[in-house]
N, C-alpha and C. Protein backbone atom coordinates (compact mmCIF):
# COMPACT_ATOMS: atom_id res chain seq x y z
N UNK A 1 4.78 19.54 9.82
CA UNK A 1 3.93 18.61 9.67
C UNK A 1 3.89 17.22 10.61
N UNK A 2 3.30 17.35 11.91
CA UNK A 2 3.72 15.91 12.24
C UNK A 2 3.38 14.79 11.35
N UNK A 3 3.97 13.76 11.79
CA UNK A 3 4.24 11.73 11.35
C UNK A 3 2.72 11.84 12.14
N UNK A 4 2.59 10.77 11.19
CA UNK A 4 1.32 9.57 11.16
C UNK A 4 1.32 8.20 12.19
N UNK A 5 1.11 8.20 13.56
CA UNK A 5 1.56 6.86 13.89
C UNK A 5 0.36 6.04 13.98
N UNK A 6 1.02 4.52 13.47
CA UNK A 6 0.05 3.62 13.54
C UNK A 6 0.91 2.21 15.06
N UNK A 7 -0.63 1.88 15.63
CA UNK A 7 0.08 1.39 16.92
C UNK A 7 -0.39 -0.04 16.29
N UNK A 8 0.57 -0.96 17.54
CA UNK A 8 0.21 -2.43 17.41
C UNK A 8 0.27 -2.92 16.45
N UNK A 9 1.32 -3.09 16.28
CA UNK A 9 2.40 -3.68 14.93
C UNK A 9 3.40 -4.38 15.10
N UNK A 10 2.92 -5.66 14.65
CA UNK A 10 3.61 -6.93 14.86
C UNK A 10 4.39 -7.52 13.72
N UNK A 11 5.46 -8.45 14.14
CA UNK A 11 5.76 -8.78 12.88
C UNK A 11 5.38 -10.11 12.40
N UNK A 12 5.33 -9.62 11.13
CA UNK A 12 5.20 -10.71 9.98
C UNK A 12 4.72 -12.37 10.19
N UNK A 13 4.47 -13.30 10.39
CA UNK A 13 4.42 -14.46 10.55
C UNK A 13 3.80 -15.10 9.12
N UNK A 14 3.29 -14.59 8.72
CA UNK A 14 2.57 -15.85 7.19
C UNK A 14 1.71 -14.00 6.78
N UNK A 15 0.98 -14.51 5.53
CA UNK A 15 0.13 -14.07 4.86
C UNK A 15 -0.58 -15.00 4.29
N UNK A 16 -1.89 -14.64 5.34
CA UNK A 16 -3.30 -15.68 5.16
C UNK A 16 -4.03 -14.62 3.97
N UNK A 17 -5.03 -16.04 3.20
CA UNK A 17 -6.27 -15.31 2.68
C UNK A 17 -7.11 -13.85 3.30
N UNK A 18 -7.50 -12.86 2.25
CA UNK A 18 -7.65 -11.81 2.75
C UNK A 18 -7.29 -10.52 2.16
N UNK A 19 -7.66 -10.01 2.56
CA UNK A 19 -7.29 -8.37 1.94
C UNK A 19 -5.96 -7.81 2.44
N UNK A 20 -5.01 -7.00 2.68
CA UNK A 20 -3.89 -6.44 3.25
C UNK A 20 -3.45 -5.30 2.29
N UNK A 21 -2.97 -4.05 3.07
CA UNK A 21 -2.95 -2.96 1.98
C UNK A 21 -0.97 -3.25 2.73
N UNK A 22 -0.71 -3.03 1.42
CA UNK A 22 0.91 -2.94 1.56
C UNK A 22 1.63 -2.11 0.94
N UNK A 23 2.35 -1.48 2.54
CA UNK A 23 3.29 -0.43 2.32
C UNK A 23 5.08 -0.44 2.03
N UNK A 24 5.24 -0.48 0.89
CA UNK A 24 6.48 -0.86 1.08
C UNK A 24 7.55 -0.02 1.08
N UNK A 25 8.49 0.33 1.24
CA UNK A 25 9.51 1.15 1.56
C UNK A 25 9.19 1.82 2.22
N UNK A 26 8.23 1.63 3.56
CA UNK A 26 7.39 2.22 4.52
C UNK A 26 8.48 4.00 4.65
N UNK A 27 9.25 2.97 5.10
CA UNK A 27 9.76 4.61 5.68
C UNK A 27 10.75 5.17 5.22
N UNK A 28 10.51 5.51 3.77
CA UNK A 28 10.77 6.28 2.64
C UNK A 28 9.97 7.15 2.39
N UNK A 29 10.15 8.55 1.67
CA UNK A 29 9.17 9.92 1.43
C UNK A 29 9.17 9.74 -0.09
N UNK A 30 8.26 9.47 -0.80
CA UNK A 30 6.96 8.24 -0.47
C UNK A 30 7.24 6.83 -0.67
N UNK A 31 6.49 5.78 0.21
CA UNK A 31 6.67 4.68 0.34
C UNK A 31 5.44 4.50 -1.31
N UNK A 32 5.88 2.75 -1.16
CA UNK A 32 4.95 2.49 -2.69
C UNK A 32 3.75 1.61 -2.05
N UNK A 33 2.61 1.68 -2.17
CA UNK A 33 1.27 1.71 -2.57
C UNK A 33 0.82 0.23 -2.86
N UNK A 34 0.36 -1.58 -2.47
CA UNK A 34 0.35 -2.22 -3.73
C UNK A 34 -0.73 -2.69 -2.52
N UNK A 35 -1.56 -4.17 -3.03
CA UNK A 35 -2.73 -4.49 -2.55
C UNK A 35 -2.58 -6.45 -2.75
N UNK A 36 -2.58 -7.54 -2.18
CA UNK A 36 -2.77 -8.08 -1.73
C UNK A 36 -4.75 -8.82 -1.67
N UNK A 37 -4.60 -9.62 -2.11
CA UNK A 37 -6.00 -10.25 -2.36
C UNK A 37 -5.66 -11.53 -2.93
N UNK A 38 -6.02 -12.32 -1.26
CA UNK A 38 -6.58 -14.08 -1.40
C UNK A 38 -5.46 -14.58 -1.69
N UNK A 39 -3.88 -13.78 -1.60
CA UNK A 39 -2.56 -13.91 -1.62
C UNK A 39 -1.81 -13.74 -3.47
N UNK A 40 -2.70 -12.74 -3.68
CA UNK A 40 -1.88 -12.49 -5.01
C UNK A 40 -2.15 -10.63 -5.12
N UNK A 41 -0.66 -10.58 -5.70
CA UNK A 41 -0.32 -8.68 -5.76
C UNK A 41 -0.37 -8.44 -6.11
N UNK A 42 -1.11 -6.69 -5.74
CA UNK A 42 -1.62 -5.68 -7.47
C UNK A 42 -0.93 -4.59 -6.94
N UNK A 43 -0.36 -4.18 -8.34
CA UNK A 43 0.53 -3.01 -7.47
C UNK A 43 0.46 -1.59 -9.28
N UNK A 44 0.01 -0.54 -9.24
CA UNK A 44 0.66 -0.10 -10.32
C UNK A 44 1.93 0.85 -9.87
N UNK A 45 2.51 1.20 -11.18
CA UNK A 45 4.15 1.39 -11.02
C UNK A 45 3.88 2.14 -12.71
N UNK A 46 5.65 2.61 -12.26
CA UNK A 46 6.04 3.90 -13.42
C UNK A 46 5.95 2.97 -14.70
N UNK A 47 6.24 2.00 -14.41
CA UNK A 47 6.89 0.32 -15.14
C UNK A 47 5.62 -0.07 -15.78
N UNK A 48 4.30 0.27 -15.01
CA UNK A 48 2.92 -0.62 -15.50
C UNK A 48 2.27 -1.23 -14.07
N UNK A 49 1.25 -2.41 -14.82
CA UNK A 49 0.70 -3.11 -13.77
C UNK A 49 1.03 -4.67 -13.27
N UNK A 50 0.75 -4.87 -12.57
CA UNK A 50 0.85 -6.01 -11.61
C UNK A 50 -0.32 -6.57 -11.04
N UNK A 51 -0.78 -7.46 -11.67
CA UNK A 51 -2.18 -7.90 -11.69
C UNK A 51 -2.12 -9.43 -11.19
N UNK A 52 -2.19 -9.25 -9.98
CA UNK A 52 -1.92 -11.25 -9.12
C UNK A 52 -1.46 -11.67 -9.55
N UNK A 53 -0.29 -11.15 -8.85
CA UNK A 53 1.49 -12.25 -8.80
C UNK A 53 1.26 -12.65 -7.31
N UNK A 54 1.64 -13.71 -7.55
CA UNK A 54 1.56 -14.58 -6.39
C UNK A 54 2.56 -14.28 -4.94
N UNK A 55 1.76 -13.70 -3.99
CA UNK A 55 2.92 -13.11 -2.93
C UNK A 55 3.41 -13.48 -2.55
N UNK A 56 4.24 -14.83 -3.00
CA UNK A 56 5.78 -15.24 -2.24
C UNK A 56 6.57 -14.74 -3.33
N UNK A 57 6.48 -14.54 -4.26
CA UNK A 57 7.02 -14.10 -4.90
C UNK A 57 7.43 -12.10 -4.91
N UNK A 58 6.52 -12.17 -4.22
CA UNK A 58 6.67 -10.32 -3.50
C UNK A 58 7.51 -10.66 -2.11
N UNK A 59 7.30 -11.86 -1.29
CA UNK A 59 7.48 -12.01 -0.11
C UNK A 59 9.07 -12.21 -0.44
N UNK A 60 9.44 -12.79 -1.44
CA UNK A 60 11.53 -13.45 -1.47
C UNK A 60 12.18 -11.39 -1.70
N UNK A 61 11.07 -11.44 -2.66
CA UNK A 61 11.98 -9.72 -3.25
C UNK A 61 12.10 -8.99 -2.14
N UNK A 62 10.96 -8.80 -0.91
CA UNK A 62 11.16 -7.76 0.43
C UNK A 62 11.87 -8.61 1.11
N UNK A 63 12.43 -9.64 1.32
CA UNK A 63 13.36 -10.38 2.30
C UNK A 63 14.55 -10.12 1.70
N UNK A 64 14.88 -10.88 -0.17
CA UNK A 64 16.19 -10.54 -0.31
C UNK A 64 16.81 -8.97 -0.37
N UNK A 65 15.85 -7.97 -0.89
CA UNK A 65 16.38 -6.77 -0.44
C UNK A 65 16.31 -6.03 0.43
N UNK A 66 15.73 -6.97 1.91
CA UNK A 66 15.62 -6.48 3.14
C UNK A 66 14.90 -5.22 3.26
N UNK A 67 13.75 -5.01 1.82
CA UNK A 67 12.75 -3.49 2.01
C UNK A 67 11.19 -3.61 3.63
N UNK A 68 11.69 -2.77 3.60
CA UNK A 68 10.58 -2.28 5.01
C UNK A 68 9.76 -1.93 5.14
N UNK A 69 8.58 -2.86 5.10
CA UNK A 69 7.30 -3.29 4.39
C UNK A 69 6.23 -3.29 5.60
N UNK A 70 5.34 -2.61 5.83
CA UNK A 70 4.10 -3.27 6.42
C UNK A 70 2.54 -3.80 5.83
N UNK A 71 2.42 -4.22 6.38
CA UNK A 71 0.80 -5.38 5.58
C UNK A 71 0.11 -4.84 6.83
N UNK A 72 -1.14 -4.24 6.36
CA UNK A 72 -1.82 -3.78 6.85
C UNK A 72 -3.38 -4.61 6.66
N UNK A 73 -3.46 -5.39 7.34
CA UNK A 73 -5.20 -6.45 7.27
C UNK A 73 -5.86 -5.80 7.12
N UNK A 74 -7.12 -5.88 6.20
CA UNK A 74 -8.70 -5.04 6.81
C UNK A 74 -9.03 -6.61 7.07
N UNK A 75 -10.65 -6.22 7.31
CA UNK A 75 -11.50 -7.12 7.86
C UNK A 75 -12.19 -7.24 6.67
N UNK A 76 -12.95 -8.55 6.53
CA UNK A 76 -13.49 -8.98 5.13
C UNK A 76 -14.82 -8.16 4.64
N UNK A 77 -14.47 -7.50 3.60
CA UNK A 77 -15.42 -6.89 2.56
C UNK A 77 -16.07 -7.15 1.38
N UNK A 78 -17.11 -6.91 0.78
CA UNK A 78 -17.60 -7.88 -0.28
C UNK A 78 -16.53 -7.06 -1.41
N UNK A 79 -16.03 -7.65 -1.88
CA UNK A 79 -15.23 -7.91 -3.20
C UNK A 79 -14.66 -8.78 -3.84
N UNK A 80 -14.32 -8.95 -5.20
CA UNK A 80 -13.38 -9.93 -5.55
C UNK A 80 -12.64 -10.01 -6.45
N UNK A 81 -12.27 -10.91 -6.89
CA UNK A 81 -10.86 -11.03 -7.50
C UNK A 81 -10.29 -10.11 -8.17
N UNK A 82 -12.21 -10.29 -9.24
CA UNK A 82 -12.45 -9.88 -11.17
C UNK A 82 -12.83 -8.11 -11.15
N UNK A 83 -13.17 -7.97 -9.52
CA UNK A 83 -13.60 -6.73 -9.18
C UNK A 83 -11.96 -5.78 -9.26
N UNK A 84 -10.79 -6.32 -8.10
CA UNK A 84 -10.20 -5.38 -8.01
C UNK A 84 -8.69 -5.76 -9.42
N UNK A 85 -9.09 -6.70 -10.05
CA UNK A 85 -8.19 -6.96 -11.32
C UNK A 85 -8.71 -5.87 -12.51
N UNK A 86 -9.84 -5.82 -12.76
CA UNK A 86 -10.72 -4.43 -13.22
C UNK A 86 -10.16 -3.08 -12.91
N UNK A 87 -10.43 -3.05 -11.96
CA UNK A 87 -9.93 -1.58 -11.28
C UNK A 87 -8.37 -1.18 -11.68
N UNK A 88 -7.74 -2.18 -11.08
CA UNK A 88 -5.96 -2.12 -11.55
C UNK A 88 -5.94 -1.92 -13.07
N UNK A 89 -6.32 -2.65 -14.31
CA UNK A 89 -7.01 -2.25 -15.76
C UNK A 89 -7.03 -0.87 -15.70
N UNK A 90 -7.70 -0.55 -15.47
CA UNK A 90 -8.15 1.17 -15.27
C UNK A 90 -7.42 1.95 -16.11
N UNK A 91 -5.74 1.69 -15.13
CA UNK A 91 -5.15 2.79 -15.50
C UNK A 91 -3.54 2.11 -16.08
N UNK A 92 -2.89 2.16 -16.51
CA UNK A 92 -1.93 1.62 -17.45
C UNK A 92 -0.92 1.60 -16.66
N UNK A 93 0.33 2.26 -15.88
CA UNK A 93 0.44 3.01 -15.45
C UNK A 93 0.89 3.94 -14.67
N UNK A 94 2.01 4.55 -13.39
CA UNK A 94 1.83 5.49 -12.44
C UNK A 94 2.52 6.60 -13.77
N UNK A 95 1.75 7.90 -13.70
CA UNK A 95 1.78 9.08 -13.86
C UNK A 95 1.41 10.25 -13.65
N UNK A 96 1.71 11.18 -13.53
CA UNK A 96 0.70 12.66 -13.59
C UNK A 96 0.44 12.37 -12.06
N UNK A 97 -0.70 12.83 -11.38
CA UNK A 97 -1.88 12.52 -11.03
C UNK A 97 -1.67 11.36 -10.59
N UNK A 98 -1.59 10.11 -11.31
CA UNK A 98 -2.19 8.81 -11.01
C UNK A 98 -1.02 7.67 -10.26
N UNK A 99 -1.10 7.81 -8.53
CA UNK A 99 -0.35 7.70 -8.81
C UNK A 99 -0.41 5.52 -7.86
N UNK A 100 0.28 5.46 -6.80
CA UNK A 100 -0.08 4.02 -7.24
C UNK A 100 -1.03 4.02 -6.16
N UNK A 101 -1.66 4.81 -5.47
CA UNK A 101 -2.90 4.64 -4.46
C UNK A 101 -4.23 4.72 -5.50
N UNK A 102 -3.99 5.48 -6.36
CA UNK A 102 -5.36 5.35 -7.32
C UNK A 102 -6.32 4.63 -7.55
N UNK A 103 -5.97 2.84 -7.65
CA UNK A 103 -6.36 1.89 -8.03
C UNK A 103 -7.23 1.70 -6.03
N UNK A 104 -6.23 1.66 -5.25
CA UNK A 104 -6.29 1.12 -4.28
C UNK A 104 -7.72 1.82 -3.47
N UNK A 105 -7.45 3.27 -3.86
CA UNK A 105 -8.79 4.42 -3.12
C UNK A 105 -9.91 3.35 -3.86
N UNK A 106 -10.03 3.83 -5.16
CA UNK A 106 -11.19 3.03 -5.54
C UNK A 106 -12.28 1.91 -5.12
N UNK A 107 -10.77 0.89 -4.71
CA UNK A 107 -11.48 -0.47 -4.11
C UNK A 107 -11.11 -0.34 -3.15
N UNK A 108 -10.84 0.10 -1.98
CA UNK A 108 -11.48 0.50 -0.89
C UNK A 108 -12.81 1.50 -0.36
N UNK A 109 -12.89 2.74 -1.35
CA UNK A 109 -14.35 2.76 -1.43
C UNK A 109 -15.21 2.24 -1.44
N UNK A 110 -15.74 1.59 -2.93
CA UNK A 110 -16.65 0.63 -2.42
C UNK A 110 -16.41 -0.44 -1.52
N UNK A 111 -15.54 -0.82 -0.67
CA UNK A 111 -15.47 -1.77 0.51
C UNK A 111 -15.81 -1.19 1.40
N UNK A 112 -15.46 -0.05 1.57
CA UNK A 112 -15.68 0.49 3.42
C UNK A 112 -16.17 1.91 3.84
N UNK A 113 -15.52 2.76 2.76
CA UNK A 113 -16.18 4.19 2.78
C UNK A 113 -16.35 4.53 1.75
N UNK A 114 -17.04 5.57 0.92
CA UNK A 114 -16.62 6.00 0.20
C UNK A 114 -16.27 7.43 0.09
N UNK A 115 -15.80 8.30 1.24
CA UNK A 115 -14.42 9.00 1.48
C UNK A 115 -13.48 8.54 1.44
N UNK A 116 -12.62 7.62 1.01
CA UNK A 116 -11.69 7.91 0.60
C UNK A 116 -11.47 8.07 -0.44
N UNK A 117 -12.14 7.43 -1.41
CA UNK A 117 -11.86 8.54 -2.66
C UNK A 117 -11.73 9.32 -3.18
N UNK A 118 -12.26 10.33 -2.23
CA UNK A 118 -10.82 11.43 -2.05
C UNK A 118 -9.54 11.83 -1.75
N UNK A 119 -8.93 10.70 -1.13
CA UNK A 119 -8.16 11.31 -0.17
C UNK A 119 -6.86 10.83 -1.14
N UNK A 120 -5.58 11.53 -0.98
CA UNK A 120 -4.55 11.52 -1.83
C UNK A 120 -3.18 10.81 -1.01
N UNK A 121 -3.47 10.64 -0.11
CA UNK A 121 -2.52 10.26 0.30
C UNK A 121 -2.91 8.83 1.13
N UNK A 122 -1.21 7.86 1.98
CA UNK A 122 -2.42 6.81 2.61
C UNK A 122 -2.20 7.12 3.81
N UNK A 123 -1.93 7.77 4.64
CA UNK A 123 -1.81 8.47 5.69
C UNK A 123 -3.01 9.09 6.05
N UNK A 124 -4.46 9.30 4.83
CA UNK A 124 -5.30 9.88 5.07
C UNK A 124 -6.16 9.11 5.17
N UNK A 125 -5.99 8.01 4.01
CA UNK A 125 -6.64 6.62 3.89
C UNK A 125 -6.91 6.09 5.85
N UNK A 126 -5.48 5.36 6.59
CA UNK A 126 -5.75 4.78 7.17
C UNK A 126 -6.03 5.37 8.36
N UNK A 127 -6.92 6.29 8.91
CA UNK A 127 -7.50 7.33 9.61
C UNK A 127 -8.57 6.92 9.09
N UNK A 128 -9.43 6.72 8.12
CA UNK A 128 -10.98 6.24 7.98
C UNK A 128 -10.55 4.93 8.26
N UNK A 129 -10.04 3.91 7.81
CA UNK A 129 -10.51 2.26 7.99
C UNK A 129 -10.35 2.26 9.40
N UNK A 130 -9.67 2.49 10.20
CA UNK A 130 -9.55 3.25 11.96
C UNK A 130 -10.92 3.46 12.41
N UNK A 131 -11.12 3.81 11.19
CA UNK A 131 -12.32 5.42 12.34
C UNK A 131 -13.78 3.93 11.97
N UNK A 132 -13.62 3.61 11.33
CA UNK A 132 -14.49 2.58 10.16
C UNK A 132 -14.22 0.74 10.80
N UNK A 133 -13.86 1.00 11.59
CA UNK A 133 -13.06 -0.42 11.99
C UNK A 133 -12.84 -1.58 11.08
N UNK A 134 -11.86 -1.01 10.00
CA UNK A 134 -11.98 -1.90 8.59
C UNK A 134 -10.24 -2.63 8.85
N UNK A 135 -9.25 -2.10 10.12
CA UNK A 135 -8.64 -2.59 10.33
C UNK A 135 -8.61 -3.89 10.75
N UNK A 136 -8.33 -4.79 10.44
CA UNK A 136 -8.21 -6.23 11.18
C UNK A 136 -6.88 -5.83 12.19
N UNK A 137 -5.02 -5.98 11.55
CA UNK A 137 -4.35 -5.90 12.55
C UNK A 137 -3.06 -5.21 11.44
N UNK A 138 -1.88 -4.89 11.63
CA UNK A 138 -0.80 -4.37 10.95
C UNK A 138 0.44 -5.33 11.22
N UNK A 139 0.59 -5.27 10.85
CA UNK A 139 2.55 -6.06 10.53
C UNK A 139 3.37 -5.55 9.81
N UNK A 140 5.05 -6.13 10.20
CA UNK A 140 5.82 -5.78 9.55
C UNK A 140 6.64 -6.49 8.72
N UNK A 141 7.57 -6.68 8.20
CA UNK A 141 8.59 -6.93 7.73
C UNK A 141 9.91 -6.01 7.69
N UNK A 142 11.14 -6.55 8.31
CA UNK A 142 12.44 -5.45 8.28
C UNK A 142 12.34 -4.68 8.33
N UNK A 143 11.58 -4.03 9.79
CA UNK A 143 10.84 -3.14 10.41
C UNK A 143 11.50 -2.75 11.93
N UNK A 144 12.50 -4.08 12.18
CA UNK A 144 12.47 -3.53 13.58
C UNK A 144 12.97 -2.86 14.58
N UNK A 145 13.73 -2.09 13.26
CA UNK A 145 14.63 -0.96 14.53
C UNK A 145 13.65 0.45 14.04
N UNK A 146 12.37 0.62 13.33
CA UNK A 146 11.51 1.18 13.06
C UNK A 146 10.05 1.44 13.74
N UNK A 147 10.39 0.24 14.47
CA UNK A 147 9.07 0.17 15.42
C UNK A 147 9.58 0.55 16.75
N UNK A 148 8.81 1.37 17.17
CA UNK A 148 9.16 0.94 19.14
C UNK A 148 8.37 1.27 19.73
N UNK A 149 8.14 0.03 21.02
CA UNK A 149 6.67 -0.29 21.04
C UNK A 149 6.00 -0.45 20.56
N UNK A 150 5.66 -1.24 19.65
CA UNK A 150 4.44 -1.93 18.66
C UNK A 150 4.41 -0.53 17.59
N UNK A 151 4.71 0.73 18.06
CA UNK A 151 4.24 2.41 17.10
C UNK A 151 5.22 2.03 15.88
N UNK A 152 4.94 2.25 14.81
CA UNK A 152 5.47 2.80 13.78
C UNK A 152 5.15 4.60 13.62
N UNK A 153 6.39 5.52 13.27
CA UNK A 153 5.53 6.69 13.78
C UNK A 153 5.70 7.18 11.80
N UNK A 154 4.63 7.33 10.80
CA UNK A 154 4.40 7.15 9.14
C UNK A 154 4.71 8.72 8.51
N UNK A 155 5.46 8.76 8.36
CA UNK A 155 6.44 10.72 8.04
C UNK A 155 5.19 10.39 6.54
N UNK A 156 4.94 12.05 6.87
CA UNK A 156 4.03 12.48 6.02
C UNK A 156 4.82 13.20 4.84
N UNK A 157 3.69 12.71 3.77
CA UNK A 157 4.92 13.38 2.55
C UNK A 157 4.18 14.48 1.39
N UNK A 158 4.27 14.70 0.60
CA UNK A 158 3.32 15.42 0.14
C UNK A 158 3.11 15.31 -1.24
N UNK A 159 2.41 16.00 -2.40
CA UNK A 159 2.04 15.30 -3.93
C UNK A 159 3.60 15.79 -4.54
N UNK A 160 3.82 16.45 -4.05
CA UNK A 160 5.19 16.81 -4.90
C UNK A 160 6.40 15.90 -4.42
N UNK A 161 6.26 15.43 -3.37
CA UNK A 161 7.33 14.65 -3.19
C UNK A 161 6.49 12.71 -4.31
N UNK A 162 5.52 12.69 -4.30
CA UNK A 162 5.30 11.81 -5.04
C UNK A 162 5.46 11.83 -6.41
N UNK A 163 5.20 13.13 -6.94
CA UNK A 163 5.69 13.72 -8.64
C UNK A 163 6.88 13.74 -9.02
N UNK A 164 7.95 14.55 -8.00
CA UNK A 164 9.61 14.13 -7.88
C UNK A 164 10.23 12.56 -8.03
N UNK A 165 9.48 11.68 -7.08
CA UNK A 165 9.61 10.46 -7.12
C UNK A 165 8.85 9.51 -8.62
N UNK A 166 8.13 9.96 -9.10
CA UNK A 166 7.62 9.43 -9.97
C UNK A 166 8.74 9.56 -11.05
N UNK A 167 8.98 10.89 -11.34
CA UNK A 167 10.11 11.54 -12.70
C UNK A 167 11.34 11.01 -11.80
N UNK A 168 11.20 10.89 -10.91
CA UNK A 168 12.37 10.57 -10.92
C UNK A 168 12.82 8.88 -11.31
N UNK A 169 11.97 7.94 -11.08
CA UNK A 169 11.34 6.89 -12.20
C UNK A 169 11.53 6.70 -13.37
N UNK A 170 10.44 7.87 -14.55
CA UNK A 170 10.68 7.89 -15.35
C UNK A 170 12.22 8.12 -16.41
N UNK A 171 12.92 9.25 -15.42
CA UNK A 171 14.02 9.33 -15.72
C UNK A 171 14.96 8.31 -15.72
N UNK A 172 14.99 7.34 -14.69
CA UNK A 172 15.64 6.07 -15.03
C UNK A 172 15.40 4.86 -15.57
N UNK A 173 14.65 5.42 -16.21
CA UNK A 173 12.98 3.95 -17.34
C UNK A 173 13.99 4.80 -18.53
N UNK A 174 14.43 5.59 -18.91
CA UNK A 174 14.63 6.23 -19.99
C UNK A 174 16.15 6.12 -19.90
N UNK A 175 17.00 5.99 -19.33
CA UNK A 175 18.48 5.84 -19.23
C UNK A 175 19.24 4.34 -20.02
């Protein structure tokens, strides 16, 4: 299985208003995916939903734990904070085939290309966003060693990898 290459990755200075895909633990298999809209962070995890937390809280966590993170800034699309929040409210938590990408695919499919709703992995979403010229820029934090000449090699993973990770988090949560 070939890796997916992301080019023109630059260090992140600051997060501006707009829409970002956030790939936390970008070099892990699988990573965690969230979304930032106008400096509010949305995410779906085994523990539940994050519904519009201030992005500075996320940035502090990323810096403190040195989390390898990609920020993919998307071009302006037609959406609203309420629509994003409502999409994330549809699922209470990650479980079974409901992954962290599930609500994000719905948001992106409405904004950019309906085909996004059918994909299962972030490395399948990105080519659609590039094809539709929906990606404005790609930034990183804590990934200097993983970025070579502005390129990050994203390791492809399987649904089994996701399900194993979900199961491990559920087990940790029960302990």
